[in-house]
Amino acid sequence: MSALWITDDLYNKCRLALLDELKKHSVKFGDFTLRSGKKSDFYVDCRPVVLTPYGLQFAGAVIGYNVWQKFGTLDTCGTGVGGSYLSAASALSVGGYIIHVRDSKKEHGTKKKVELPANFNDIIEVVVVDDVLTTGSSLAVCLDALKEANIKAAGCLVLVDREEGGKETIEDTYKIPVKSVFVKSDFNNYQ
């Protein structure tokens, strides 16, 4: 299967449906402390949407389409839990291999930090996928692990960019593009 089955019209419908679901169930305004320790009046938790069958299907189609259109590959690597859901959904929607980077190296079994698919030799480069981008720290951990494993990253794709400098940090540090499906301003009229 290939991302080519997702037409522009279908992509736009899935993107708008996903945006609507994120607005209803994932975006909150108020006083929040983020994982980075920063304070914010805007919070996004994509899990309530991507943990539903329809949300995961929308996300898979949207991520898969963007990975193909913006990077010319179907293979992805999810960061942590949020990115792993999206990476798997993309693979189920459009095909492509998945690489998984653990938060820390396993202390048992093969003791791997980077988990590879059986046909790893077929992978030329991957797109690192995450649900929300703030500072870029999750992407950086994943990119460093891929580099250590001699796996090339074509770029990064996030579902929501909070527009707080993470995109620029990753692009400047790793010299790869960072793209997003949605940005904070997509949610500005929703309070």
C-alpha atoms as a PDB file:
ATOM      1  CA  MET A   1       0.000   0.000   0.000  1.00  0.00           C
ATOM      2  CA  SER A   2       1.201   3.514  -0.695  1.00  0.00           C
ATOM      3  CA  ALA A   3       0.274   7.028   0.411  1.00  0.00           C
ATOM      4  CA  LEU A   4      -0.720   7.656  -3.174  1.00  0.00           C
ATOM      5  CA  TRP A   5      -4.186   6.230  -2.418  1.00  0.00           C
ATOM      6  CA  ILE A   6      -4.872   9.245  -0.189  1.00  0.00           C
ATOM      7  CA  THR A   7      -6.160  11.954  -2.499  1.00  0.00           C
ATOM      8  CA  ASP A   8      -5.808  15.636  -1.661  1.00  0.00           C
ATOM      9  CA  ASP A   9      -9.565  15.769  -1.058  1.00  0.00           C
ATOM     10  CA  LEU A  10      -9.499  12.812   1.345  1.00  0.00           C
ATOM     11  CA  TYR A  11      -6.470  14.278   3.136  1.00  0.00           C
ATOM     12  CA  ASN A  12      -8.247  17.622   3.604  1.00  0.00           C
ATOM     13  CA  LYS A  13     -11.360  15.895   4.978  1.00  0.00           C
ATOM     14  CA  CYS A  14      -9.305  13.803   7.405  1.00  0.00           C
ATOM     15  CA  ARG A  15      -7.275  16.849   8.469  1.00  0.00           C
ATOM     16  CA  LEU A  16     -10.397  18.924   9.185  1.00  0.00           C
ATOM     17  CA  ALA A  17     -12.053  16.044  11.056  1.00  0.00           C
ATOM     18  CA  LEU A  18      -8.896  15.569  13.130  1.00  0.00           C
ATOM     19  CA  LEU A  19      -8.681  19.302  13.844  1.00  0.00           C
ATOM     20  CA  ASP A  20     -12.301  19.302  15.015  1.00  0.00           C
ATOM     21  CA  GLU A  21     -11.683  16.333  17.320  1.00  0.00           C
ATOM     22  CA  LEU A  22      -8.517  17.904  18.743  1.00  0.00           C
ATOM     23  CA  LYS A  23     -10.402  21.143  19.423  1.00  0.00           C
ATOM     24  CA  LYS A  24     -13.167  19.247  21.242  1.00  0.00           C
ATOM     25  CA  HIS A  25     -11.096  16.798  23.259  1.00  0.00           C
ATOM     26  CA  SER A  26      -7.397  17.702  23.327  1.00  0.00           C
ATOM     27  CA  VAL A  27      -6.909  21.454  23.527  1.00  0.00           C
ATOM     28  CA  LYS A  28      -7.286  23.285  26.821  1.00  0.00           C
ATOM     29  CA  PHE A  29      -6.807  26.895  27.807  1.00  0.00           C
ATOM     30  CA  GLY A  30      -5.888  27.902  31.361  1.00  0.00           C
ATOM     31  CA  ASP A  31      -2.829  27.748  33.615  1.00  0.00           C
ATOM     32  CA  PHE A  32      -0.608  24.729  32.905  1.00  0.00           C
ATOM     33  CA  THR A  33       2.925  23.562  33.687  1.00  0.00           C
ATOM     34  CA  LEU A  34       4.456  21.739  30.731  1.00  0.00           C
ATOM     35  CA  ARG A  35       6.896  18.802  30.855  1.00  0.00           C
ATOM     36  CA  SER A  36       9.687  21.301  30.192  1.00  0.00           C
ATOM     37  CA  GLY A  37       8.707  23.132  33.394  1.00  0.00           C
ATOM     38  CA  LYS A  38       7.516  26.149  31.417  1.00  0.00           C
ATOM     39  CA  LYS A  39       4.173  27.757  32.213  1.00  0.00           C
ATOM     40  CA  SER A  40       1.593  28.047  29.441  1.00  0.00           C
ATOM     41  CA  ASP A  41      -2.012  29.122  28.932  1.00  0.00           C
ATOM     42  CA  PHE A  42      -2.335  26.592  26.073  1.00  0.00           C
ATOM     43  CA  TYR A  43      -2.233  22.812  26.550  1.00  0.00           C
ATOM     44  CA  VAL A  44      -2.551  20.008  24.015  1.00  0.00           C
ATOM     45  CA  ASP A  45      -2.917  16.324  24.867  1.00  0.00           C
ATOM     46  CA  CYS A  46      -3.520  14.399  21.629  1.00  0.00           C
ATOM     47  CA  ARG A  47      -4.082  11.050  23.363  1.00  0.00           C
ATOM     48  CA  PRO A  48      -7.842  11.448  24.012  1.00  0.00           C
ATOM     49  CA  VAL A  49      -8.295  11.673  20.243  1.00  0.00           C
ATOM     50  CA  VAL A  50      -5.629   9.311  18.855  1.00  0.00           C
ATOM     51  CA  LEU A  51      -6.639   6.580  21.298  1.00  0.00           C
ATOM     52  CA  THR A  52     -10.033   6.322  19.591  1.00  0.00           C
ATOM     53  CA  PRO A  53     -10.538   4.251  16.416  1.00  0.00           C
ATOM     54  CA  TYR A  54     -11.649   7.218  14.296  1.00  0.00           C
ATOM     55  CA  GLY A  55      -9.019   9.580  15.720  1.00  0.00           C
ATOM     56  CA  LEU A  56      -6.245   7.072  15.053  1.00  0.00           C
ATOM     57  CA  GLN A  57      -7.520   6.504  11.501  1.00  0.00           C
ATOM     58  CA  PHE A  58      -7.641  10.249  10.800  1.00  0.00           C
ATOM     59  CA  ALA A  59      -4.197  10.734  12.316  1.00  0.00           C
ATOM     60  CA  GLY A  60      -2.730   7.794  10.384  1.00  0.00           C
ATOM     61  CA  ALA A  61      -3.991   9.120   7.063  1.00  0.00           C
ATOM     62  CA  VAL A  62      -2.878  12.687   7.836  1.00  0.00           C
ATOM     63  CA  ILE A  63       0.578  11.704   9.111  1.00  0.00           C
ATOM     64  CA  GLY A  64       1.133   9.178   6.305  1.00  0.00           C
ATOM     65  CA  TYR A  65       0.119  11.684   3.637  1.00  0.00           C
ATOM     66  CA  ASN A  66       2.436  14.359   5.077  1.00  0.00           C
ATOM     67  CA  VAL A  67       5.376  11.981   5.480  1.00  0.00           C
ATOM     68  CA  TRP A  68       5.054  11.014   1.813  1.00  0.00           C
ATOM     69  CA  GLN A  69       4.296  14.477   0.410  1.00  0.00           C
ATOM     70  CA  LYS A  70       6.853  16.425   2.452  1.00  0.00           C
ATOM     71  CA  PHE A  71       9.676  13.888   2.753  1.00  0.00           C
ATOM     72  CA  GLY A  72       9.205  11.321  -0.038  1.00  0.00           C
ATOM     73  CA  THR A  73       9.335   8.288   2.249  1.00  0.00           C
ATOM     74  CA  LEU A  74       6.837   6.156   4.147  1.00  0.00           C
ATOM     75  CA  ASP A  75       9.142   4.966   6.942  1.00  0.00           C
ATOM     76  CA  THR A  76       8.768   6.593  10.347  1.00  0.00           C
ATOM     77  CA  CYS A  77      10.232   6.616  13.824  1.00  0.00           C
ATOM     78  CA  GLY A  78       7.954   7.573  16.695  1.00  0.00           C
ATOM     79  CA  THR A  79       9.208   9.470  19.718  1.00  0.00           C
ATOM     80  CA  GLY A  80       8.044   8.131  23.065  1.00  0.00           C
ATOM     81  CA  VAL A  81       4.443   7.108  23.471  1.00  0.00           C
ATOM     82  CA  GLY A  82       2.731   9.872  21.481  1.00  0.00           C
ATOM     83  CA  GLY A  83       4.957   9.558  18.466  1.00  0.00           C
ATOM     84  CA  SER A  84       4.777   5.774  18.495  1.00  0.00           C
ATOM     85  CA  TYR A  85       0.979   5.790  18.171  1.00  0.00           C
ATOM     86  CA  LEU A  86       1.231   8.131  15.212  1.00  0.00           C
ATOM     87  CA  SER A  87       4.050   6.188  13.581  1.00  0.00           C
ATOM     88  CA  ALA A  88       2.088   2.935  13.843  1.00  0.00           C
ATOM     89  CA  ALA A  89      -1.097   4.586  12.556  1.00  0.00           C
ATOM     90  CA  SER A  90       0.799   5.981   9.580  1.00  0.00           C
ATOM     91  CA  ALA A  91       2.260   2.571   8.762  1.00  0.00           C
ATOM     92  CA  LEU A  92      -1.171   0.937   8.941  1.00  0.00           C
ATOM     93  CA  SER A  93      -2.680   3.664   6.774  1.00  0.00           C
ATOM     94  CA  VAL A  94      -0.070   4.016   4.031  1.00  0.00           C
ATOM     95  CA  GLY A  95       2.497   1.277   4.485  1.00  0.00           C
ATOM     96  CA  GLY A  96       6.078   1.846   5.498  1.00  0.00           C
ATOM     97  CA  TYR A  97       8.325   0.551   8.234  1.00  0.00           C
ATOM     98  CA  ILE A  98       8.425   1.672  11.855  1.00  0.00           C
ATOM     99  CA  ILE A  99      11.476   2.238  14.024  1.00  0.00           C
ATOM    100  CA  HIS A 100      10.945   2.679  17.742  1.00  0.00           C
ATOM    101  CA  VAL A 101      13.347   4.556  20.003  1.00  0.00           C
ATOM    102  CA  ARG A 102      13.013   3.752  23.691  1.00  0.00           C
ATOM    103  CA  ASP A 103      13.285   6.438  26.340  1.00  0.00           C
ATOM    104  CA  SER A 104      16.218   4.499  27.773  1.00  0.00           C
ATOM    105  CA  LYS A 105      18.250   1.464  26.791  1.00  0.00           C
ATOM    106  CA  LYS A 106      16.756  -1.878  27.855  1.00  0.00           C
ATOM    107  CA  GLU A 107      18.559  -3.532  30.761  1.00  0.00           C
ATOM    108  CA  HIS A 108      17.464  -7.025  29.738  1.00  0.00           C
ATOM    109  CA  GLY A 109      17.305  -9.181  26.601  1.00  0.00           C
ATOM    110  CA  THR A 110      19.109  -7.552  23.689  1.00  0.00           C
ATOM    111  CA  LYS A 111      19.522  -4.275  25.633  1.00  0.00           C
ATOM    112  CA  LYS A 112      18.498  -2.190  22.628  1.00  0.00           C
ATOM    113  CA  LYS A 113      17.518   1.456  22.670  1.00  0.00           C
ATOM    114  CA  VAL A 114      16.494   1.446  18.989  1.00  0.00           C
ATOM    115  CA  GLU A 115      14.088  -1.282  17.866  1.00  0.00           C
ATOM    116  CA  LEU A 116      14.246  -2.136  14.165  1.00  0.00           C
ATOM    117  CA  PRO A 117      11.842  -4.033  11.896  1.00  0.00           C
ATOM    118  CA  ALA A 118      12.808  -7.384  10.384  1.00  0.00           C
ATOM    119  CA  ASN A 119      13.507  -5.926   6.930  1.00  0.00           C
ATOM    120  CA  PHE A 120      15.577  -3.031   8.206  1.00  0.00           C
ATOM    121  CA  ASN A 121      17.871  -3.086   5.157  1.00  0.00           C
ATOM    122  CA  ASP A 122      14.932  -1.799   3.082  1.00  0.00           C
ATOM    123  CA  ILE A 123      14.886   1.463   5.053  1.00  0.00           C
ATOM    124  CA  ILE A 124      16.864   4.326   3.520  1.00  0.00           C
ATOM    125  CA  GLU A 125      15.784   7.103   5.874  1.00  0.00           C
ATOM    126  CA  VAL A 126      12.979   7.790   8.324  1.00  0.00           C
ATOM    127  CA  VAL A 127      10.821  10.709   9.382  1.00  0.00           C
ATOM    128  CA  VAL A 128      10.709  11.234  13.148  1.00  0.00           C
ATOM    129  CA  VAL A 129       7.096  11.643  14.273  1.00  0.00           C
ATOM    130  CA  ASP A 130       5.756  13.201  17.482  1.00  0.00           C
ATOM    131  CA  ASP A 131       2.388  14.415  18.681  1.00  0.00           C
ATOM    132  CA  VAL A 132       3.253  17.817  20.196  1.00  0.00           C
ATOM    133  CA  LEU A 133       6.318  20.043  19.729  1.00  0.00           C
ATOM    134  CA  THR A 134       7.308  22.626  22.337  1.00  0.00           C
ATOM    135  CA  THR A 135      11.066  22.775  22.995  1.00  0.00           C
ATOM    136  CA  GLY A 136      12.123  19.900  20.722  1.00  0.00           C
ATOM    137  CA  SER A 137      13.669  17.840  23.524  1.00  0.00           C
ATOM    138  CA  SER A 138      11.779  14.625  22.616  1.00  0.00           C
ATOM    139  CA  LEU A 139      12.749  14.960  18.974  1.00  0.00           C
ATOM    140  CA  ALA A 140      16.382  15.607  19.959  1.00  0.00           C
ATOM    141  CA  VAL A 141      16.556  12.432  22.080  1.00  0.00           C
ATOM    142  CA  CYS A 142      15.171  10.406  19.186  1.00  0.00           C
ATOM    143  CA  LEU A 143      17.430  12.038  16.578  1.00  0.00           C
ATOM    144  CA  ASP A 144      20.511  11.418  18.746  1.00  0.00           C
ATOM    145  CA  ALA A 145      19.598   7.735  19.162  1.00  0.00           C
ATOM    146  CA  LEU A 146      19.050   7.343  15.419  1.00  0.00           C
ATOM    147  CA  LYS A 147      22.406   8.970  14.668  1.00  0.00           C
ATOM    148  CA  GLU A 148      24.126   6.647  17.140  1.00  0.00           C
ATOM    149  CA  ALA A 149      22.480   3.677  15.343  1.00  0.00           C
ATOM    150  CA  ASN A 150      23.589   5.046  11.921  1.00  0.00           C
ATOM    151  CA  ILE A 151      20.026   5.667  10.759  1.00  0.00           C
ATOM    152  CA  LYS A 152      19.400   8.780   8.688  1.00  0.00           C
ATOM    153  CA  ALA A 153      16.490  11.095   9.559  1.00  0.00           C
ATOM    154  CA  ALA A 154      14.956  12.905   6.576  1.00  0.00           C
ATOM    155  CA  GLY A 155      13.219  15.305   8.934  1.00  0.00           C
ATOM    156  CA  CYS A 156      10.580  15.544  11.628  1.00  0.00           C
ATOM    157  CA  LEU A 157       6.797  15.751  11.482  1.00  0.00           C
ATOM    158  CA  VAL A 158       4.637  16.733  14.432  1.00  0.00           C
ATOM    159  CA  LEU A 159       0.894  16.749  14.761  1.00  0.00           C
ATOM    160  CA  VAL A 160       0.816  20.059  16.694  1.00  0.00           C
ATOM    161  CA  ASP A 161       3.584  22.665  16.868  1.00  0.00           C
ATOM    162  CA  ARG A 162       3.021  24.904  19.895  1.00  0.00           C
ATOM    163  CA  GLU A 163       5.179  27.539  18.142  1.00  0.00           C
ATOM    164  CA  GLU A 164       7.518  27.973  21.113  1.00  0.00           C
ATOM    165  CA  GLY A 165      10.869  27.596  19.360  1.00  0.00           C
ATOM    166  CA  GLY A 166      11.210  23.815  19.150  1.00  0.00           C
ATOM    167  CA  LYS A 167      11.020  23.794  15.353  1.00  0.00           C
ATOM    168  CA  GLU A 168      13.842  26.311  15.024  1.00  0.00           C
ATOM    169  CA  THR A 169      15.965  24.551  17.652  1.00  0.00           C
ATOM    170  CA  ILE A 170      15.766  21.204  15.849  1.00  0.00           C
ATOM    171  CA  GLU A 171      16.287  22.701  12.389  1.00  0.00           C
ATOM    172  CA  ASP A 172      19.334  24.708  13.560  1.00  0.00           C
ATOM    173  CA  THR A 173      20.890  21.867  15.555  1.00  0.00           C
ATOM    174  CA  TYR A 174      20.257  18.907  13.245  1.00  0.00           C
ATOM    175  CA  LYS A 175      20.031  20.687   9.864  1.00  0.00           C
ATOM    176  CA  ILE A 176      16.830  18.869   8.898  1.00  0.00           C
ATOM    177  CA  PRO A 177      13.336  20.225   8.221  1.00  0.00           C
ATOM    178  CA  VAL A 178      10.581  20.126  10.836  1.00  0.00           C
ATOM    179  CA  LYS A 179       7.027  20.178   9.508  1.00  0.00           C
ATOM    180  CA  SER A 180       3.700  20.196  11.312  1.00  0.00           C
ATOM    181  CA  VAL A 181       0.108  19.287  10.527  1.00  0.00           C
ATOM    182  CA  PHE A 182      -1.274  21.947  12.891  1.00  0.00           C
ATOM    183  CA  VAL A 183       0.178  24.960  14.698  1.00  0.00           C
ATOM    184  CA  LYS A 184      -1.027  26.737  17.824  1.00  0.00           C
ATOM    185  CA  SER A 185      -2.664  29.473  15.764  1.00  0.00           C
ATOM    186  CA  ASP A 186      -4.999  26.845  14.214  1.00  0.00           C
ATOM    187  CA  PHE A 187      -6.646  26.685  17.670  1.00  0.00           C
ATOM    188  CA  ASN A 188      -6.705  30.436  18.458  1.00  0.00           C
ATOM    189  CA  ASN A 189     -10.381  30.914  17.584  1.00  0.00           C
ATOM    190  CA  TYR A 190     -11.330  28.012  19.791  1.00  0.00           C
ATOM    191  CA  GLN A 191     -11.627  29.112  23.410  1.00  0.00           C
END
